[in-house]
Amino acid sequence: MKALIPSHREKKRYLLLEGKNLKKNVYNAIKEFVGVLGLSEASPAWIKTNILSINRKSLDKVKASFAIYPEKIDVKKVASTLKGLRK
């Protein structure tokens, strides 16, 4: 199968997160705030235990859902590359 051209690929942003039970709380926070459709548009994927990859267009919605969620989820840094996130 042929690879996608760069303009057709999904643009990602990487979030460095801090909090307790991140794997469970992140999905619940996004699902509560923007619903199932918003969760699928954000397409969150875990890179490491505290690094989350999401779609660039849904960054504001995801950050807002973390802000209003009762459990504390802090976004320490947002970057467009993993190398930029680690600096």
C-alpha atoms as a PDB file:
ATOM      1  CA  MET A   1       0.000   0.000   0.000  1.00  0.00           C
ATOM      2  CA  LYS A   2       1.256   3.445  -0.885  1.00  0.00           C
ATOM      3  CA  ALA A   3       2.086   5.966   1.867  1.00  0.00           C
ATOM      4  CA  LEU A   4      -0.016   9.108   2.267  1.00  0.00           C
ATOM      5  CA  ILE A   5       1.321  12.379   0.985  1.00  0.00           C
ATOM      6  CA  PRO A   6       2.143  14.876   3.755  1.00  0.00           C
ATOM      7  CA  SER A   7      -0.856  17.109   3.069  1.00  0.00           C
ATOM      8  CA  HIS A   8      -3.229  14.165   3.662  1.00  0.00           C
ATOM      9  CA  ARG A   9      -1.679  13.051   6.924  1.00  0.00           C
ATOM     10  CA  GLU A  10      -3.239  13.969  10.239  1.00  0.00           C
ATOM     11  CA  LYS A  11      -1.417  16.814  11.990  1.00  0.00           C
ATOM     12  CA  LYS A  12      -0.577  15.898  15.584  1.00  0.00           C
ATOM     13  CA  ARG A  13       0.281  17.770  18.759  1.00  0.00           C
ATOM     14  CA  TYR A  14       1.967  16.153  21.724  1.00  0.00           C
ATOM     15  CA  LEU A  15       0.912  16.991  25.290  1.00  0.00           C
ATOM     16  CA  LEU A  16       3.073  16.464  28.361  1.00  0.00           C
ATOM     17  CA  LEU A  17       0.576  15.681  31.123  1.00  0.00           C
ATOM     18  CA  GLU A  18       0.726  15.421  34.896  1.00  0.00           C
ATOM     19  CA  GLY A  19      -1.874  13.895  37.189  1.00  0.00           C
ATOM     20  CA  LYS A  20      -3.171  10.690  38.740  1.00  0.00           C
ATOM     21  CA  ASN A  21      -4.695   7.786  36.767  1.00  0.00           C
ATOM     22  CA  LEU A  22      -4.029   9.589  33.502  1.00  0.00           C
ATOM     23  CA  LYS A  23      -5.047   6.767  31.161  1.00  0.00           C
ATOM     24  CA  LYS A  24      -8.534   6.571  32.660  1.00  0.00           C
ATOM     25  CA  ASN A  25      -9.085  10.237  33.479  1.00  0.00           C
ATOM     26  CA  VAL A  26      -8.026  11.621  30.092  1.00  0.00           C
ATOM     27  CA  TYR A  27     -10.564   9.574  28.154  1.00  0.00           C
ATOM     28  CA  ASN A  28     -13.303  10.324  30.688  1.00  0.00           C
ATOM     29  CA  ALA A  29     -12.579  14.067  30.639  1.00  0.00           C
ATOM     30  CA  ILE A  30     -12.673  14.331  26.853  1.00  0.00           C
ATOM     31  CA  LYS A  31     -15.754  12.138  26.588  1.00  0.00           C
ATOM     32  CA  GLU A  32     -17.633  14.170  29.226  1.00  0.00           C
ATOM     33  CA  PHE A  33     -16.850  17.541  27.662  1.00  0.00           C
ATOM     34  CA  VAL A  34     -17.018  16.949  23.890  1.00  0.00           C
ATOM     35  CA  GLY A  35     -18.737  13.564  23.688  1.00  0.00           C
ATOM     36  CA  VAL A  36     -17.977  10.451  21.713  1.00  0.00           C
ATOM     37  CA  LEU A  37     -17.713  12.281  18.386  1.00  0.00           C
ATOM     38  CA  GLY A  38     -15.247  14.786  19.830  1.00  0.00           C
ATOM     39  CA  LEU A  39     -13.222  11.937  21.305  1.00  0.00           C
ATOM     40  CA  SER A  40     -12.960  10.276  17.909  1.00  0.00           C
ATOM     41  CA  GLU A  41     -12.010  13.582  16.234  1.00  0.00           C
ATOM     42  CA  ALA A  42      -9.268  14.187  18.808  1.00  0.00           C
ATOM     43  CA  SER A  43      -7.997  10.609  18.308  1.00  0.00           C
ATOM     44  CA  PRO A  44      -5.881  10.506  21.485  1.00  0.00           C
ATOM     45  CA  ALA A  45      -3.005   8.031  21.469  1.00  0.00           C
ATOM     46  CA  TRP A  46      -0.525   7.380  24.258  1.00  0.00           C
ATOM     47  CA  ILE A  47       3.143   7.678  23.344  1.00  0.00           C
ATOM     48  CA  LYS A  48       4.425   7.142  26.901  1.00  0.00           C
ATOM     49  CA  THR A  49       2.723   7.108  30.293  1.00  0.00           C
ATOM     50  CA  ASN A  50       2.587  10.919  30.429  1.00  0.00           C
ATOM     51  CA  ILE A  51       2.788  11.918  26.733  1.00  0.00           C
ATOM     52  CA  LEU A  52      -0.442  12.076  24.738  1.00  0.00           C
ATOM     53  CA  SER A  53      -0.767  12.576  20.985  1.00  0.00           C
ATOM     54  CA  ILE A  54      -3.917  14.337  19.719  1.00  0.00           C
ATOM     55  CA  ASN A  55      -5.227  15.926  16.537  1.00  0.00           C
ATOM     56  CA  ARG A  56      -4.139  19.545  16.089  1.00  0.00           C
ATOM     57  CA  LYS A  57      -7.641  20.872  15.357  1.00  0.00           C
ATOM     58  CA  SER A  58      -9.066  19.596  18.643  1.00  0.00           C
ATOM     59  CA  LEU A  59      -6.303  20.920  20.912  1.00  0.00           C
ATOM     60  CA  ASP A  60      -8.416  23.704  22.447  1.00  0.00           C
ATOM     61  CA  LYS A  61     -11.334  21.372  23.193  1.00  0.00           C
ATOM     62  CA  VAL A  62      -9.052  18.825  24.852  1.00  0.00           C
ATOM     63  CA  LYS A  63      -7.331  21.438  27.021  1.00  0.00           C
ATOM     64  CA  ALA A  64     -10.728  22.859  28.033  1.00  0.00           C
ATOM     65  CA  SER A  65     -11.980  19.406  28.991  1.00  0.00           C
ATOM     66  CA  PHE A  66      -8.941  18.936  31.252  1.00  0.00           C
ATOM     67  CA  ALA A  67      -9.605  22.310  32.898  1.00  0.00           C
ATOM     68  CA  ILE A  68     -13.190  21.531  33.927  1.00  0.00           C
ATOM     69  CA  TYR A  69     -12.677  17.879  34.879  1.00  0.00           C
ATOM     70  CA  PRO A  70     -12.867  17.330  38.685  1.00  0.00           C
ATOM     71  CA  GLU A  71      -9.644  15.272  38.816  1.00  0.00           C
ATOM     72  CA  LYS A  72      -6.534  17.374  38.314  1.00  0.00           C
ATOM     73  CA  ILE A  73      -4.942  16.966  34.862  1.00  0.00           C
ATOM     74  CA  ASP A  74      -2.204  19.495  34.123  1.00  0.00           C
ATOM     75  CA  VAL A  75      -0.859  20.194  30.652  1.00  0.00           C
ATOM     76  CA  LYS A  76       2.788  21.035  31.255  1.00  0.00           C
ATOM     77  CA  LYS A  77       3.818  21.551  27.637  1.00  0.00           C
ATOM     78  CA  VAL A  78       2.450  21.314  24.095  1.00  0.00           C
ATOM     79  CA  ALA A  79       4.737  20.631  21.139  1.00  0.00           C
ATOM     80  CA  SER A  80       4.452  19.653  17.502  1.00  0.00           C
ATOM     81  CA  THR A  81       7.345  17.179  17.716  1.00  0.00           C
ATOM     82  CA  LEU A  82       8.497  14.745  20.367  1.00  0.00           C
ATOM     83  CA  LYS A  83      11.981  16.255  20.267  1.00  0.00           C
ATOM     84  CA  GLY A  84      10.540  19.695  21.044  1.00  0.00           C
ATOM     85  CA  LEU A  85       8.557  18.251  23.929  1.00  0.00           C
ATOM     86  CA  ARG A  86      11.619  16.774  25.611  1.00  0.00           C
ATOM     87  CA  LYS A  87      13.655  19.999  25.564  1.00  0.00           C
END
